[in-house]
Amino acid sequence: MAEGEEWQGFAASAGDAEAVEDRLEVSDYALYKQVENESRILLRPGDFAVYWPGEVHRPNCHPDKGAHLVKLVVKIHRDLF
């Protein structure tokens, strides 16, 4: 996180969660209705999080809808592991 603060939800896997939108094969994106055992972390400037392929994460959780953020997102294709 470069500027601002952001809550992120994360879980080891989606488990049996119902996918509301599933574009994993095309664009590495899925939206789930609810994920069991979700934890949260608050990212502040200088913080970072690493999510491995298969782990679920939910970025952009803001108590204030108009939050200003500057962050860097890097994705490495799973074939490189």
N, C-alpha and C. Protein backbone atom coordinates (compact mmCIF):
# COMPACT_ATOMS: atom_id res chain seq x y z
N MET A 1 0.85 -1.15 0.00
CA MET A 1 0.00 0.00 0.00
C MET A 1 0.90 1.23 0.00
N ALA A 2 0.67 2.10 -0.94
CA ALA A 2 1.48 3.32 -1.02
C ALA A 2 0.80 4.47 -0.29
N GLU A 3 -0.50 4.65 -0.52
CA GLU A 3 -1.25 5.73 0.14
C GLU A 3 -2.64 5.22 0.53
N GLY A 4 -3.13 5.67 1.66
CA GLY A 4 -4.46 5.31 2.11
C GLY A 4 -4.45 4.04 2.94
N GLU A 5 -5.65 3.57 3.28
CA GLU A 5 -5.82 2.34 4.04
C GLU A 5 -6.88 1.48 3.36
N GLU A 6 -6.71 0.17 3.48
CA GLU A 6 -7.66 -0.75 2.85
C GLU A 6 -7.80 -2.00 3.70
N TRP A 7 -9.03 -2.38 4.00
CA TRP A 7 -9.29 -3.67 4.61
C TRP A 7 -9.37 -4.71 3.51
N GLN A 8 -8.79 -5.87 3.76
CA GLN A 8 -8.91 -6.99 2.83
C GLN A 8 -9.37 -8.21 3.60
N GLY A 9 -10.31 -8.94 3.01
CA GLY A 9 -10.72 -10.22 3.55
C GLY A 9 -9.94 -11.31 2.85
N PHE A 10 -9.65 -12.42 3.55
CA PHE A 10 -8.92 -13.51 2.91
C PHE A 10 -9.26 -14.83 3.58
N ALA A 11 -9.13 -15.91 2.81
CA ALA A 11 -9.35 -17.26 3.31
C ALA A 11 -8.45 -18.22 2.54
N ALA A 12 -8.13 -19.35 3.16
CA ALA A 12 -7.24 -20.32 2.53
C ALA A 12 -7.83 -20.89 1.24
N SER A 13 -9.16 -21.01 1.18
CA SER A 13 -9.81 -21.49 -0.04
C SER A 13 -11.27 -21.08 -0.03
N ALA A 14 -11.93 -21.24 -1.16
CA ALA A 14 -13.35 -20.92 -1.26
C ALA A 14 -14.20 -22.03 -0.67
N GLY A 15 -13.63 -23.20 -0.50
CA GLY A 15 -14.37 -24.32 0.06
C GLY A 15 -15.62 -24.61 -0.77
N ASP A 16 -16.74 -24.69 -0.12
CA ASP A 16 -18.01 -24.96 -0.80
C ASP A 16 -18.78 -23.67 -1.10
N ALA A 17 -18.11 -22.54 -1.08
CA ALA A 17 -18.78 -21.25 -1.28
C ALA A 17 -19.43 -21.18 -2.66
N GLU A 18 -20.60 -20.55 -2.70
CA GLU A 18 -21.34 -20.37 -3.95
C GLU A 18 -20.76 -19.20 -4.73
N ALA A 19 -20.34 -19.45 -5.96
CA ALA A 19 -19.80 -18.38 -6.81
C ALA A 19 -20.95 -17.60 -7.43
N VAL A 20 -20.94 -16.29 -7.21
CA VAL A 20 -21.92 -15.41 -7.83
C VAL A 20 -21.47 -15.10 -9.25
N GLU A 21 -20.16 -14.99 -9.42
CA GLU A 21 -19.57 -14.74 -10.73
C GLU A 21 -18.25 -15.50 -10.78
N ASP A 22 -18.04 -16.29 -11.83
CA ASP A 22 -16.83 -17.10 -11.93
C ASP A 22 -16.16 -16.89 -13.28
N ARG A 23 -15.04 -16.15 -13.26
CA ARG A 23 -14.25 -15.92 -14.47
C ARG A 23 -12.81 -16.37 -14.25
N LEU A 24 -12.63 -17.38 -13.41
CA LEU A 24 -11.28 -17.83 -13.07
C LEU A 24 -10.49 -18.29 -14.28
N GLU A 25 -11.11 -18.99 -15.19
CA GLU A 25 -10.40 -19.50 -16.36
C GLU A 25 -9.97 -18.39 -17.31
N VAL A 26 -10.74 -17.32 -17.37
CA VAL A 26 -10.49 -16.24 -18.34
C VAL A 26 -9.65 -15.11 -17.75
N SER A 27 -9.98 -14.68 -16.53
CA SER A 27 -9.33 -13.48 -16.01
C SER A 27 -8.93 -13.56 -14.54
N ASP A 28 -8.82 -14.77 -13.98
CA ASP A 28 -8.38 -14.93 -12.60
C ASP A 28 -9.25 -14.13 -11.64
N TYR A 29 -10.58 -14.21 -11.82
CA TYR A 29 -11.51 -13.45 -10.99
C TYR A 29 -12.73 -14.30 -10.67
N ALA A 30 -13.11 -14.31 -9.42
CA ALA A 30 -14.36 -14.96 -9.00
C ALA A 30 -14.93 -14.14 -7.85
N LEU A 31 -16.24 -14.08 -7.81
CA LEU A 31 -16.94 -13.36 -6.75
C LEU A 31 -17.83 -14.37 -6.04
N TYR A 32 -17.66 -14.49 -4.73
CA TYR A 32 -18.40 -15.46 -3.94
C TYR A 32 -19.42 -14.76 -3.06
N LYS A 33 -20.52 -15.45 -2.82
CA LYS A 33 -21.58 -14.90 -1.98
C LYS A 33 -21.06 -14.73 -0.55
N GLN A 34 -20.46 -15.78 -0.02
CA GLN A 34 -19.89 -15.75 1.32
C GLN A 34 -18.83 -16.84 1.41
N VAL A 35 -17.75 -16.58 2.11
CA VAL A 35 -16.67 -17.55 2.27
C VAL A 35 -16.50 -17.86 3.75
N GLU A 36 -16.48 -19.13 4.10
CA GLU A 36 -16.29 -19.52 5.49
C GLU A 36 -14.86 -19.23 5.95
N ASN A 37 -14.72 -18.99 7.23
CA ASN A 37 -13.41 -18.78 7.86
C ASN A 37 -12.64 -17.61 7.26
N GLU A 38 -13.36 -16.58 6.82
CA GLU A 38 -12.69 -15.40 6.28
C GLU A 38 -12.09 -14.58 7.42
N SER A 39 -10.87 -14.14 7.24
CA SER A 39 -10.19 -13.23 8.18
C SER A 39 -10.03 -11.89 7.49
N ARG A 40 -9.67 -10.88 8.27
CA ARG A 40 -9.47 -9.55 7.69
C ARG A 40 -8.14 -8.98 8.14
N ILE A 41 -7.59 -8.13 7.27
CA ILE A 41 -6.34 -7.44 7.58
C ILE A 41 -6.47 -6.00 7.11
N LEU A 42 -5.92 -5.07 7.88
CA LEU A 42 -5.90 -3.67 7.50
C LEU A 42 -4.53 -3.34 6.94
N LEU A 43 -4.49 -2.91 5.69
CA LEU A 43 -3.23 -2.52 5.05
C LEU A 43 -3.09 -1.00 5.11
N ARG A 44 -1.94 -0.56 5.57
CA ARG A 44 -1.61 0.87 5.65
C ARG A 44 -0.36 1.11 4.80
N PRO A 45 -0.02 2.37 4.54
CA PRO A 45 1.17 2.64 3.72
C PRO A 45 2.40 1.87 4.22
N GLY A 46 3.06 1.20 3.29
CA GLY A 46 4.23 0.39 3.61
C GLY A 46 3.90 -1.08 3.83
N ASP A 47 2.62 -1.41 4.02
CA ASP A 47 2.22 -2.81 4.21
C ASP A 47 2.01 -3.50 2.87
N PHE A 48 2.10 -4.83 2.88
CA PHE A 48 1.78 -5.60 1.69
C PHE A 48 1.20 -6.95 2.10
N ALA A 49 0.52 -7.58 1.17
CA ALA A 49 -0.04 -8.91 1.39
C ALA A 49 0.31 -9.78 0.19
N VAL A 50 0.53 -11.06 0.43
CA VAL A 50 0.81 -12.02 -0.63
C VAL A 50 -0.28 -13.08 -0.59
N TYR A 51 -0.93 -13.29 -1.73
CA TYR A 51 -1.95 -14.33 -1.84
C TYR A 51 -1.49 -15.33 -2.90
N TRP A 52 -1.50 -16.62 -2.54
CA TRP A 52 -1.07 -17.67 -3.43
C TRP A 52 -2.23 -18.14 -4.29
N PRO A 53 -1.94 -18.75 -5.44
CA PRO A 53 -3.02 -19.30 -6.28
C PRO A 53 -3.92 -20.22 -5.46
N GLY A 54 -5.21 -20.03 -5.62
CA GLY A 54 -6.18 -20.82 -4.88
C GLY A 54 -6.68 -20.17 -3.61
N GLU A 55 -5.93 -19.22 -3.06
CA GLU A 55 -6.40 -18.50 -1.88
C GLU A 55 -7.39 -17.43 -2.31
N VAL A 56 -8.38 -17.22 -1.49
CA VAL A 56 -9.42 -16.24 -1.78
C VAL A 56 -9.06 -14.93 -1.08
N HIS A 57 -9.19 -13.84 -1.79
CA HIS A 57 -9.01 -12.54 -1.14
C HIS A 57 -10.06 -11.56 -1.66
N ARG A 58 -10.42 -10.64 -0.77
CA ARG A 58 -11.46 -9.65 -1.08
C ARG A 58 -10.89 -8.27 -0.78
N PRO A 59 -10.35 -7.59 -1.79
CA PRO A 59 -9.78 -6.26 -1.57
C PRO A 59 -10.87 -5.18 -1.59
N ASN A 60 -10.43 -3.96 -1.35
CA ASN A 60 -11.29 -2.77 -1.47
C ASN A 60 -12.46 -2.76 -0.50
N CYS A 61 -12.24 -3.20 0.72
CA CYS A 61 -13.27 -3.14 1.75
C CYS A 61 -13.05 -1.86 2.55
N HIS A 62 -13.88 -0.88 2.30
CA HIS A 62 -13.71 0.43 2.93
C HIS A 62 -14.94 0.80 3.73
N PRO A 63 -14.73 1.25 4.97
CA PRO A 63 -15.88 1.76 5.72
C PRO A 63 -16.41 3.06 5.08
N ASP A 64 -15.51 3.84 4.50
CA ASP A 64 -15.89 5.07 3.79
C ASP A 64 -15.81 4.77 2.30
N LYS A 65 -16.90 4.92 1.59
CA LYS A 65 -16.94 4.53 0.18
C LYS A 65 -15.99 5.33 -0.71
N GLY A 66 -15.65 6.56 -0.35
CA GLY A 66 -14.83 7.39 -1.21
C GLY A 66 -13.37 7.42 -0.81
N ALA A 67 -12.82 6.31 -0.33
CA ALA A 67 -11.45 6.29 0.16
C ALA A 67 -10.45 6.46 -0.99
N HIS A 68 -9.40 7.24 -0.73
CA HIS A 68 -8.32 7.44 -1.70
C HIS A 68 -7.25 6.38 -1.45
N LEU A 69 -6.90 5.62 -2.50
CA LEU A 69 -5.88 4.59 -2.40
C LEU A 69 -4.90 4.70 -3.54
N VAL A 70 -3.66 4.39 -3.23
CA VAL A 70 -2.64 4.17 -4.25
C VAL A 70 -1.97 2.86 -3.85
N LYS A 71 -2.11 1.84 -4.71
CA LYS A 71 -1.50 0.55 -4.39
C LYS A 71 -0.97 -0.09 -5.65
N LEU A 72 -0.10 -1.04 -5.45
CA LEU A 72 0.51 -1.78 -6.55
C LEU A 72 0.05 -3.23 -6.44
N VAL A 73 -0.45 -3.78 -7.52
CA VAL A 73 -0.87 -5.18 -7.56
C VAL A 73 -0.02 -5.89 -8.61
N VAL A 74 0.62 -6.97 -8.20
CA VAL A 74 1.45 -7.76 -9.10
C VAL A 74 0.90 -9.18 -9.11
N LYS A 75 0.61 -9.70 -10.29
CA LYS A 75 0.15 -11.09 -10.40
C LYS A 75 1.18 -11.87 -11.21
N ILE A 76 1.53 -13.03 -10.68
CA ILE A 76 2.48 -13.90 -11.34
C ILE A 76 1.71 -15.16 -11.74
N HIS A 77 1.77 -15.52 -13.01
CA HIS A 77 1.01 -16.66 -13.50
C HIS A 77 1.41 -17.94 -12.77
N ARG A 78 0.41 -18.74 -12.42
CA ARG A 78 0.66 -19.97 -11.64
C ARG A 78 1.58 -20.94 -12.35
N ASP A 79 1.69 -20.87 -13.67
CA ASP A 79 2.59 -21.78 -14.40
C ASP A 79 4.06 -21.52 -14.05
N LEU A 80 4.36 -20.38 -13.46
CA LEU A 80 5.75 -20.05 -13.09
C LEU A 80 6.16 -20.63 -11.74
N PHE A 81 5.24 -21.27 -11.04
CA PHE A 81 5.55 -21.86 -9.73
C PHE A 81 5.98 -23.29 -9.88
